[in-house]
Amino acid sequence: MVTKAERDHFQTLFRRLDADGDGRIAQVDLDHLVQTTLQRSGAVPGSERWRRITDLGNRLWDDLRAGLDADGDGGISAREFVTAYRRPEFLERTAIPFEIAVLEMHDEEGDGKVSVTEWLAWQQAKGLPVHEALAEFGEIDADGDGYLDKSEYTRYLETQYTS
């Protein structure tokens, strides 16, 4: 049984990924997400960073589609999407590594941490209001040092996807 909080979380995530708003996630939607993320981060086409995120985005699509496109229409419905994100192996192999790689792209100083300034720039580029971005940062920053590292973000994602 999906709780209201889970439903709200998955609906928000689904809408973010459904770039054209047609109620289905298709490869073009994920390609749009990946390319927009890369462009906002300043990644140079063909660079190691660009290839890594592109490869992870392709894996995300392949894993979403594999065994989940129940009706065979080449897209992922909201119900199919929730099914994927509730599978631990999908989260561990695909979804969380993709999100961690995106977080690392926004580590402008290359110190293994994302500052609140870097976080806000990234979240505002995605269209998240400042107050929501700050609240989310506060939830993730478990040690309260004003930076997010990979382990904090991983724990946060695991909690978000499995609670």
N, C-alpha and C. Protein backbone atom coordinates (compact mmCIF):
# COMPACT_ATOMS: atom_id res chain seq x y z
N MET A 1 0.85 -1.19 0.00
CA MET A 1 0.00 0.00 0.00
C MET A 1 0.88 1.25 0.00
N VAL A 2 0.60 2.18 -0.86
CA VAL A 2 1.35 3.42 -0.98
C VAL A 2 0.73 4.46 -0.06
N THR A 3 1.55 5.10 0.78
CA THR A 3 1.06 6.14 1.67
C THR A 3 0.85 7.44 0.88
N LYS A 4 0.14 8.38 1.47
CA LYS A 4 -0.08 9.67 0.81
C LYS A 4 1.25 10.38 0.57
N ALA A 5 2.16 10.33 1.55
CA ALA A 5 3.47 10.98 1.39
C ALA A 5 4.24 10.35 0.22
N GLU A 6 4.20 9.01 0.12
CA GLU A 6 4.87 8.33 -0.99
C GLU A 6 4.24 8.74 -2.31
N ARG A 7 2.92 8.73 -2.36
CA ARG A 7 2.21 9.11 -3.59
C ARG A 7 2.58 10.52 -4.01
N ASP A 8 2.58 11.44 -3.06
CA ASP A 8 2.94 12.83 -3.37
C ASP A 8 4.37 12.92 -3.89
N HIS A 9 5.29 12.19 -3.23
CA HIS A 9 6.69 12.20 -3.65
C HIS A 9 6.84 11.66 -5.07
N PHE A 10 6.22 10.52 -5.34
CA PHE A 10 6.34 9.91 -6.66
C PHE A 10 5.64 10.75 -7.73
N GLN A 11 4.52 11.37 -7.41
CA GLN A 11 3.86 12.24 -8.38
C GLN A 11 4.73 13.43 -8.74
N THR A 12 5.38 14.03 -7.75
CA THR A 12 6.28 15.15 -8.01
C THR A 12 7.45 14.72 -8.88
N LEU A 13 8.05 13.60 -8.54
CA LEU A 13 9.17 13.08 -9.32
C LEU A 13 8.73 12.72 -10.74
N PHE A 14 7.58 12.09 -10.86
CA PHE A 14 7.06 11.71 -12.18
C PHE A 14 6.85 12.96 -13.05
N ARG A 15 6.23 13.98 -12.48
CA ARG A 15 5.99 15.22 -13.24
C ARG A 15 7.29 15.87 -13.68
N ARG A 16 8.32 15.79 -12.82
CA ARG A 16 9.63 16.35 -13.17
C ARG A 16 10.23 15.63 -14.37
N LEU A 17 10.04 14.33 -14.43
CA LEU A 17 10.62 13.53 -15.51
C LEU A 17 9.79 13.56 -16.78
N ASP A 18 8.49 13.78 -16.66
CA ASP A 18 7.59 13.82 -17.82
C ASP A 18 7.68 15.20 -18.46
N ALA A 19 8.75 15.43 -19.22
CA ALA A 19 9.07 16.76 -19.76
C ALA A 19 7.96 17.35 -20.62
N ASP A 20 7.29 16.52 -21.40
CA ASP A 20 6.26 17.06 -22.29
C ASP A 20 4.86 17.04 -21.66
N GLY A 21 4.75 16.53 -20.44
CA GLY A 21 3.49 16.58 -19.71
C GLY A 21 2.38 15.71 -20.27
N ASP A 22 2.75 14.66 -21.02
CA ASP A 22 1.71 13.82 -21.62
C ASP A 22 1.25 12.67 -20.74
N GLY A 23 1.76 12.63 -19.50
CA GLY A 23 1.34 11.58 -18.58
C GLY A 23 2.09 10.28 -18.74
N ARG A 24 3.14 10.27 -19.53
CA ARG A 24 3.98 9.09 -19.75
C ARG A 24 5.42 9.55 -19.83
N ILE A 25 6.32 8.74 -19.32
CA ILE A 25 7.74 9.04 -19.47
C ILE A 25 8.26 8.22 -20.64
N ALA A 26 8.85 8.90 -21.59
CA ALA A 26 9.45 8.25 -22.76
C ALA A 26 10.94 8.59 -22.76
N GLN A 27 11.67 7.91 -23.62
CA GLN A 27 13.11 8.16 -23.66
C GLN A 27 13.41 9.63 -23.94
N VAL A 28 12.60 10.27 -24.76
CA VAL A 28 12.84 11.68 -25.08
C VAL A 28 12.73 12.55 -23.82
N ASP A 29 11.86 12.16 -22.88
CA ASP A 29 11.73 12.91 -21.63
C ASP A 29 13.01 12.81 -20.80
N LEU A 30 13.55 11.60 -20.69
CA LEU A 30 14.79 11.44 -19.92
C LEU A 30 15.97 12.08 -20.63
N ASP A 31 15.99 11.98 -21.96
CA ASP A 31 17.06 12.66 -22.71
C ASP A 31 17.02 14.16 -22.45
N HIS A 32 15.82 14.72 -22.41
CA HIS A 32 15.65 16.15 -22.13
C HIS A 32 16.17 16.49 -20.74
N LEU A 33 15.81 15.67 -19.75
CA LEU A 33 16.28 15.88 -18.38
C LEU A 33 17.80 15.86 -18.32
N VAL A 34 18.40 14.84 -18.93
CA VAL A 34 19.85 14.68 -18.89
C VAL A 34 20.55 15.85 -19.58
N GLN A 35 20.10 16.20 -20.76
CA GLN A 35 20.75 17.28 -21.51
C GLN A 35 20.58 18.63 -20.82
N THR A 36 19.40 18.86 -20.25
CA THR A 36 19.17 20.11 -19.51
C THR A 36 20.07 20.18 -18.28
N THR A 37 20.19 19.07 -17.57
CA THR A 37 21.05 19.02 -16.39
C THR A 37 22.50 19.28 -16.77
N LEU A 38 22.94 18.64 -17.84
CA LEU A 38 24.31 18.83 -18.30
C LEU A 38 24.56 20.27 -18.72
N GLN A 39 23.61 20.84 -19.44
CA GLN A 39 23.76 22.23 -19.90
C GLN A 39 23.84 23.19 -18.70
N ARG A 40 22.95 23.00 -17.72
CA ARG A 40 22.94 23.87 -16.54
C ARG A 40 24.22 23.75 -15.73
N SER A 41 24.83 22.56 -15.76
CA SER A 41 26.04 22.35 -14.97
C SER A 41 27.29 22.84 -15.68
N GLY A 42 27.16 23.16 -16.96
CA GLY A 42 28.31 23.61 -17.72
C GLY A 42 29.20 22.48 -18.22
N ALA A 43 28.68 21.24 -18.18
CA ALA A 43 29.46 20.10 -18.67
C ALA A 43 29.71 20.24 -20.16
N VAL A 44 30.91 19.97 -20.57
CA VAL A 44 31.31 20.09 -21.97
C VAL A 44 30.91 18.81 -22.70
N PRO A 45 30.16 18.92 -23.82
CA PRO A 45 29.80 17.72 -24.58
C PRO A 45 31.03 16.88 -24.91
N GLY A 46 30.90 15.58 -24.66
CA GLY A 46 32.00 14.66 -24.92
C GLY A 46 32.97 14.49 -23.77
N SER A 47 32.88 15.36 -22.74
CA SER A 47 33.79 15.25 -21.59
C SER A 47 33.42 14.01 -20.76
N GLU A 48 34.31 13.66 -19.86
CA GLU A 48 34.07 12.50 -18.99
C GLU A 48 32.77 12.70 -18.19
N ARG A 49 32.60 13.89 -17.64
CA ARG A 49 31.40 14.20 -16.86
C ARG A 49 30.15 14.06 -17.73
N TRP A 50 30.19 14.59 -18.93
CA TRP A 50 29.06 14.52 -19.86
C TRP A 50 28.74 13.06 -20.19
N ARG A 51 29.77 12.26 -20.49
CA ARG A 51 29.55 10.85 -20.85
C ARG A 51 28.98 10.07 -19.66
N ARG A 52 29.49 10.34 -18.47
CA ARG A 52 29.03 9.62 -17.28
C ARG A 52 27.54 9.86 -17.03
N ILE A 53 27.13 11.10 -17.05
CA ILE A 53 25.72 11.42 -16.80
C ILE A 53 24.84 10.89 -17.93
N THR A 54 25.31 11.02 -19.17
CA THR A 54 24.54 10.50 -20.31
C THR A 54 24.38 8.98 -20.19
N ASP A 55 25.47 8.28 -19.85
CA ASP A 55 25.39 6.83 -19.68
C ASP A 55 24.44 6.44 -18.56
N LEU A 56 24.51 7.16 -17.43
CA LEU A 56 23.60 6.86 -16.32
C LEU A 56 22.15 7.17 -16.69
N GLY A 57 21.93 8.23 -17.45
CA GLY A 57 20.58 8.55 -17.93
C GLY A 57 20.05 7.46 -18.84
N ASN A 58 20.91 6.94 -19.71
CA ASN A 58 20.50 5.85 -20.59
C ASN A 58 20.18 4.59 -19.78
N ARG A 59 21.00 4.32 -18.74
CA ARG A 59 20.72 3.17 -17.89
C ARG A 59 19.39 3.35 -17.17
N LEU A 60 19.14 4.58 -16.69
CA LEU A 60 17.88 4.88 -16.02
C LEU A 60 16.71 4.54 -16.94
N TRP A 61 16.78 4.96 -18.20
CA TRP A 61 15.72 4.67 -19.15
C TRP A 61 15.61 3.16 -19.41
N ASP A 62 16.73 2.52 -19.68
CA ASP A 62 16.72 1.09 -19.97
C ASP A 62 16.13 0.29 -18.82
N ASP A 63 16.51 0.66 -17.59
CA ASP A 63 16.01 -0.08 -16.43
C ASP A 63 14.54 0.23 -16.14
N LEU A 64 14.12 1.45 -16.39
CA LEU A 64 12.70 1.78 -16.24
C LEU A 64 11.86 0.95 -17.22
N ARG A 65 12.31 0.92 -18.45
CA ARG A 65 11.55 0.25 -19.51
C ARG A 65 11.58 -1.27 -19.38
N ALA A 66 12.70 -1.81 -18.96
CA ALA A 66 12.85 -3.27 -18.89
C ALA A 66 11.85 -3.87 -17.91
N GLY A 67 10.93 -4.60 -18.42
CA GLY A 67 9.96 -5.30 -17.58
C GLY A 67 8.88 -4.42 -16.99
N LEU A 68 8.94 -3.11 -17.23
CA LEU A 68 7.92 -2.23 -16.63
C LEU A 68 6.94 -1.67 -17.65
N ASP A 69 7.34 -1.66 -18.89
CA ASP A 69 6.45 -1.15 -19.92
C ASP A 69 5.42 -2.24 -20.22
N ALA A 70 4.53 -2.44 -19.24
CA ALA A 70 3.60 -3.57 -19.28
C ALA A 70 2.72 -3.57 -20.53
N ASP A 71 2.34 -2.40 -20.99
CA ASP A 71 1.46 -2.37 -22.16
C ASP A 71 2.23 -2.27 -23.47
N GLY A 72 3.56 -2.24 -23.41
CA GLY A 72 4.39 -2.26 -24.60
C GLY A 72 4.29 -1.05 -25.50
N ASP A 73 3.89 0.09 -24.93
CA ASP A 73 3.72 1.29 -25.76
C ASP A 73 4.97 2.16 -25.85
N GLY A 74 6.08 1.73 -25.26
CA GLY A 74 7.32 2.48 -25.35
C GLY A 74 7.42 3.62 -24.34
N GLY A 75 6.45 3.72 -23.45
CA GLY A 75 6.47 4.75 -22.42
C GLY A 75 6.19 4.14 -21.07
N ILE A 76 6.43 4.92 -20.04
CA ILE A 76 6.22 4.46 -18.67
C ILE A 76 5.10 5.29 -18.05
N SER A 77 4.04 4.60 -17.64
CA SER A 77 2.93 5.29 -16.98
C SER A 77 3.32 5.59 -15.53
N ALA A 78 2.52 6.38 -14.85
CA ALA A 78 2.78 6.69 -13.45
C ALA A 78 2.79 5.42 -12.62
N ARG A 79 1.88 4.50 -12.88
CA ARG A 79 1.82 3.24 -12.13
C ARG A 79 3.08 2.40 -12.37
N GLU A 80 3.52 2.32 -13.62
CA GLU A 80 4.73 1.58 -13.96
C GLU A 80 5.95 2.23 -13.30
N PHE A 81 5.95 3.55 -13.24
CA PHE A 81 7.04 4.31 -12.64
C PHE A 81 7.18 3.99 -11.15
N VAL A 82 6.06 4.01 -10.44
CA VAL A 82 6.08 3.71 -9.00
C VAL A 82 6.58 2.28 -8.77
N THR A 83 6.16 1.36 -9.62
CA THR A 83 6.61 -0.02 -9.51
C THR A 83 8.13 -0.09 -9.58
N ALA A 84 8.73 0.62 -10.53
CA ALA A 84 10.19 0.62 -10.68
C ALA A 84 10.86 1.19 -9.44
N TYR A 85 10.40 2.32 -8.98
CA TYR A 85 11.05 2.99 -7.86
C TYR A 85 10.84 2.28 -6.53
N ARG A 86 9.95 1.33 -6.48
CA ARG A 86 9.76 0.56 -5.26
C ARG A 86 10.61 -0.70 -5.25
N ARG A 87 11.32 -0.96 -6.34
CA ARG A 87 12.21 -2.14 -6.41
C ARG A 87 13.58 -1.75 -5.87
N PRO A 88 14.04 -2.39 -4.80
CA PRO A 88 15.35 -2.04 -4.22
C PRO A 88 16.49 -2.13 -5.23
N GLU A 89 16.49 -3.13 -6.09
CA GLU A 89 17.59 -3.27 -7.05
C GLU A 89 17.62 -2.12 -8.05
N PHE A 90 16.46 -1.58 -8.41
CA PHE A 90 16.41 -0.43 -9.31
C PHE A 90 17.00 0.80 -8.61
N LEU A 91 16.63 0.98 -7.36
CA LEU A 91 17.14 2.12 -6.61
C LEU A 91 18.65 2.03 -6.44
N GLU A 92 19.14 0.87 -6.03
CA GLU A 92 20.56 0.70 -5.76
C GLU A 92 21.42 0.77 -7.02
N ARG A 93 20.94 0.20 -8.11
CA ARG A 93 21.74 0.10 -9.33
C ARG A 93 21.60 1.32 -10.23
N THR A 94 20.45 1.96 -10.19
CA THR A 94 20.16 2.96 -11.21
C THR A 94 19.80 4.33 -10.66
N ALA A 95 18.70 4.41 -9.95
CA ALA A 95 18.15 5.72 -9.55
C ALA A 95 19.09 6.49 -8.64
N ILE A 96 19.57 5.86 -7.58
CA ILE A 96 20.44 6.57 -6.64
C ILE A 96 21.78 6.92 -7.27
N PRO A 97 22.45 6.01 -8.01
CA PRO A 97 23.70 6.42 -8.67
C PRO A 97 23.51 7.59 -9.64
N PHE A 98 22.38 7.63 -10.33
CA PHE A 98 22.11 8.74 -11.25
C PHE A 98 22.01 10.05 -10.46
N GLU A 99 21.25 10.04 -9.39
CA GLU A 99 21.08 11.26 -8.60
C GLU A 99 22.37 11.69 -7.91
N ILE A 100 23.17 10.74 -7.47
CA ILE A 100 24.46 11.07 -6.85
C ILE A 100 25.38 11.72 -7.90
N ALA A 101 25.39 11.17 -9.10
CA ALA A 101 26.22 11.75 -10.17
C ALA A 101 25.79 13.18 -10.48
N VAL A 102 24.49 13.42 -10.47
CA VAL A 102 23.99 14.79 -10.71
C VAL A 102 24.42 15.70 -9.57
N LEU A 103 24.34 15.21 -8.33
CA LEU A 103 24.81 16.01 -7.19
C LEU A 103 26.28 16.36 -7.37
N GLU A 104 27.09 15.37 -7.72
CA GLU A 104 28.52 15.60 -7.87
C GLU A 104 28.83 16.60 -8.97
N MET A 105 27.98 16.67 -9.98
CA MET A 105 28.17 17.66 -11.05
C MET A 105 28.10 19.08 -10.52
N HIS A 106 27.34 19.25 -9.45
CA HIS A 106 27.14 20.60 -8.92
C HIS A 106 28.13 20.96 -7.83
N ASP A 107 29.10 20.11 -7.62
CA ASP A 107 30.20 20.39 -6.70
C ASP A 107 31.24 21.21 -7.47
N GLU A 108 31.00 22.50 -7.56
CA GLU A 108 31.83 23.38 -8.39
C GLU A 108 33.27 23.47 -7.92
N GLU A 109 33.48 23.32 -6.62
CA GLU A 109 34.83 23.43 -6.08
C GLU A 109 35.60 22.12 -6.15
N GLY A 110 34.91 21.03 -6.47
CA GLY A 110 35.56 19.73 -6.57
C GLY A 110 36.08 19.19 -5.25
N ASP A 111 35.45 19.60 -4.14
CA ASP A 111 35.92 19.17 -2.83
C ASP A 111 35.11 18.00 -2.25
N GLY A 112 34.22 17.44 -3.06
CA GLY A 112 33.42 16.32 -2.59
C GLY A 112 32.21 16.74 -1.79
N LYS A 113 31.95 18.04 -1.75
CA LYS A 113 30.81 18.56 -1.00
C LYS A 113 30.08 19.60 -1.84
N VAL A 114 28.78 19.70 -1.61
CA VAL A 114 27.97 20.72 -2.28
C VAL A 114 27.54 21.71 -1.21
N SER A 115 27.93 22.96 -1.40
CA SER A 115 27.58 24.01 -0.43
C SER A 115 26.12 24.41 -0.62
N VAL A 116 25.61 25.14 0.34
CA VAL A 116 24.24 25.62 0.23
C VAL A 116 24.08 26.53 -0.98
N THR A 117 25.11 27.30 -1.31
CA THR A 117 25.08 28.17 -2.49
C THR A 117 24.99 27.35 -3.77
N GLU A 118 25.82 26.30 -3.86
CA GLU A 118 25.78 25.42 -5.04
C GLU A 118 24.43 24.71 -5.13
N TRP A 119 23.91 24.26 -3.99
CA TRP A 119 22.62 23.57 -3.94
C TRP A 119 21.51 24.50 -4.42
N LEU A 120 21.51 25.73 -3.91
CA LEU A 120 20.46 26.68 -4.30
C LEU A 120 20.50 26.99 -5.79
N ALA A 121 21.69 27.17 -6.34
CA ALA A 121 21.81 27.44 -7.77
C ALA A 121 21.24 26.29 -8.58
N TRP A 122 21.54 25.06 -8.17
CA TRP A 122 21.06 23.87 -8.87
C TRP A 122 19.55 23.76 -8.76
N GLN A 123 19.03 23.92 -7.54
CA GLN A 123 17.59 23.77 -7.33
C GLN A 123 16.78 24.88 -8.00
N GLN A 124 17.30 26.09 -7.98
CA GLN A 124 16.60 27.19 -8.65
C GLN A 124 16.60 26.99 -10.15
N ALA A 125 17.68 26.43 -10.69
CA ALA A 125 17.73 26.14 -12.13
C ALA A 125 16.66 25.11 -12.50
N LYS A 126 16.32 24.24 -11.55
CA LYS A 126 15.27 23.25 -11.78
C LYS A 126 13.88 23.84 -11.54
N GLY A 127 13.83 25.07 -11.04
CA GLY A 127 12.55 25.72 -10.80
C GLY A 127 12.00 25.56 -9.40
N LEU A 128 12.80 25.04 -8.48
CA LEU A 128 12.34 24.87 -7.10
C LEU A 128 12.46 26.21 -6.37
N PRO A 129 11.40 26.64 -5.70
CA PRO A 129 11.46 27.90 -4.94
C PRO A 129 12.55 27.83 -3.86
N VAL A 130 13.15 28.98 -3.56
CA VAL A 130 14.25 29.07 -2.61
C VAL A 130 13.88 28.47 -1.26
N HIS A 131 12.71 28.79 -0.73
CA HIS A 131 12.34 28.29 0.59
C HIS A 131 12.24 26.76 0.60
N GLU A 132 11.77 26.16 -0.49
CA GLU A 132 11.70 24.70 -0.56
C GLU A 132 13.10 24.10 -0.68
N ALA A 133 13.95 24.74 -1.48
CA ALA A 133 15.32 24.25 -1.65
C ALA A 133 16.08 24.32 -0.33
N LEU A 134 15.90 25.40 0.42
CA LEU A 134 16.57 25.53 1.72
C LEU A 134 16.06 24.50 2.72
N ALA A 135 14.75 24.27 2.71
CA ALA A 135 14.18 23.27 3.62
C ALA A 135 14.72 21.88 3.29
N GLU A 136 14.80 21.55 2.01
CA GLU A 136 15.31 20.26 1.61
C GLU A 136 16.80 20.13 1.98
N PHE A 137 17.55 21.19 1.76
CA PHE A 137 18.97 21.18 2.14
C PHE A 137 19.11 20.87 3.63
N GLY A 138 18.30 21.53 4.45
CA GLY A 138 18.35 21.30 5.89
C GLY A 138 18.03 19.87 6.27
N GLU A 139 17.11 19.24 5.54
CA GLU A 139 16.78 17.83 5.79
C GLU A 139 17.96 16.92 5.46
N ILE A 140 18.65 17.24 4.39
CA ILE A 140 19.73 16.38 3.90
C ILE A 140 21.01 16.55 4.71
N ASP A 141 21.31 17.78 5.12
CA ASP A 141 22.55 18.10 5.81
C ASP A 141 22.51 17.56 7.25
N ALA A 142 22.71 16.25 7.37
CA ALA A 142 22.56 15.56 8.65
C ALA A 142 23.49 16.07 9.74
N ASP A 143 24.72 16.44 9.37
CA ASP A 143 25.67 16.90 10.39
C ASP A 143 25.63 18.41 10.60
N GLY A 144 24.81 19.11 9.83
CA GLY A 144 24.62 20.54 10.02
C GLY A 144 25.82 21.41 9.70
N ASP A 145 26.74 20.90 8.87
CA ASP A 145 27.95 21.67 8.56
C ASP A 145 27.79 22.64 7.39
N GLY A 146 26.60 22.68 6.79
CA GLY A 146 26.37 23.59 5.68
C GLY A 146 26.82 23.05 4.33
N TYR A 147 27.15 21.77 4.29
CA TYR A 147 27.57 21.10 3.05
C TYR A 147 26.88 19.74 2.95
N LEU A 148 26.66 19.32 1.73
CA LEU A 148 26.14 17.97 1.48
C LEU A 148 27.24 17.13 0.88
N ASP A 149 27.43 15.95 1.45
CA ASP A 149 28.38 15.03 0.83
C ASP A 149 27.60 13.83 0.29
N LYS A 150 28.32 12.98 -0.39
CA LYS A 150 27.70 11.84 -1.06
C LYS A 150 26.95 10.94 -0.08
N SER A 151 27.52 10.68 1.09
CA SER A 151 26.87 9.77 2.05
C SER A 151 25.58 10.37 2.60
N GLU A 152 25.58 11.67 2.90
CA GLU A 152 24.35 12.31 3.38
C GLU A 152 23.25 12.26 2.32
N TYR A 153 23.63 12.55 1.09
CA TYR A 153 22.64 12.57 0.01
C TYR A 153 22.13 11.16 -0.27
N THR A 154 23.01 10.17 -0.21
CA THR A 154 22.60 8.78 -0.42
C THR A 154 21.59 8.36 0.65
N ARG A 155 21.90 8.65 1.90
CA ARG A 155 20.97 8.31 3.00
C ARG A 155 19.62 9.00 2.80
N TYR A 156 19.66 10.27 2.41
CA TYR A 156 18.43 11.01 2.17
C TYR A 156 17.61 10.35 1.06
N LEU A 157 18.26 10.02 -0.05
CA LEU A 157 17.55 9.39 -1.17
C LEU A 157 16.97 8.05 -0.77
N GLU A 158 17.75 7.26 -0.06
CA GLU A 158 17.26 5.96 0.39
C GLU A 158 16.01 6.12 1.26
N THR A 159 16.04 7.11 2.13
CA THR A 159 14.89 7.37 2.99
C THR A 159 13.70 7.84 2.17
N GLN A 160 13.94 8.74 1.23
CA GLN A 160 12.86 9.26 0.40
C GLN A 160 12.19 8.15 -0.42
N TYR A 161 12.99 7.26 -0.95
CA TYR A 161 12.44 6.23 -1.82
C TYR A 161 11.88 5.02 -1.10
N THR A 162 12.30 4.81 0.13
CA THR A 162 11.87 3.59 0.82
C THR A 162 10.96 3.83 2.02
N SER A 163 10.74 5.07 2.38
CA SER A 163 9.89 5.32 3.55
C SER A 163 8.43 5.42 3.15
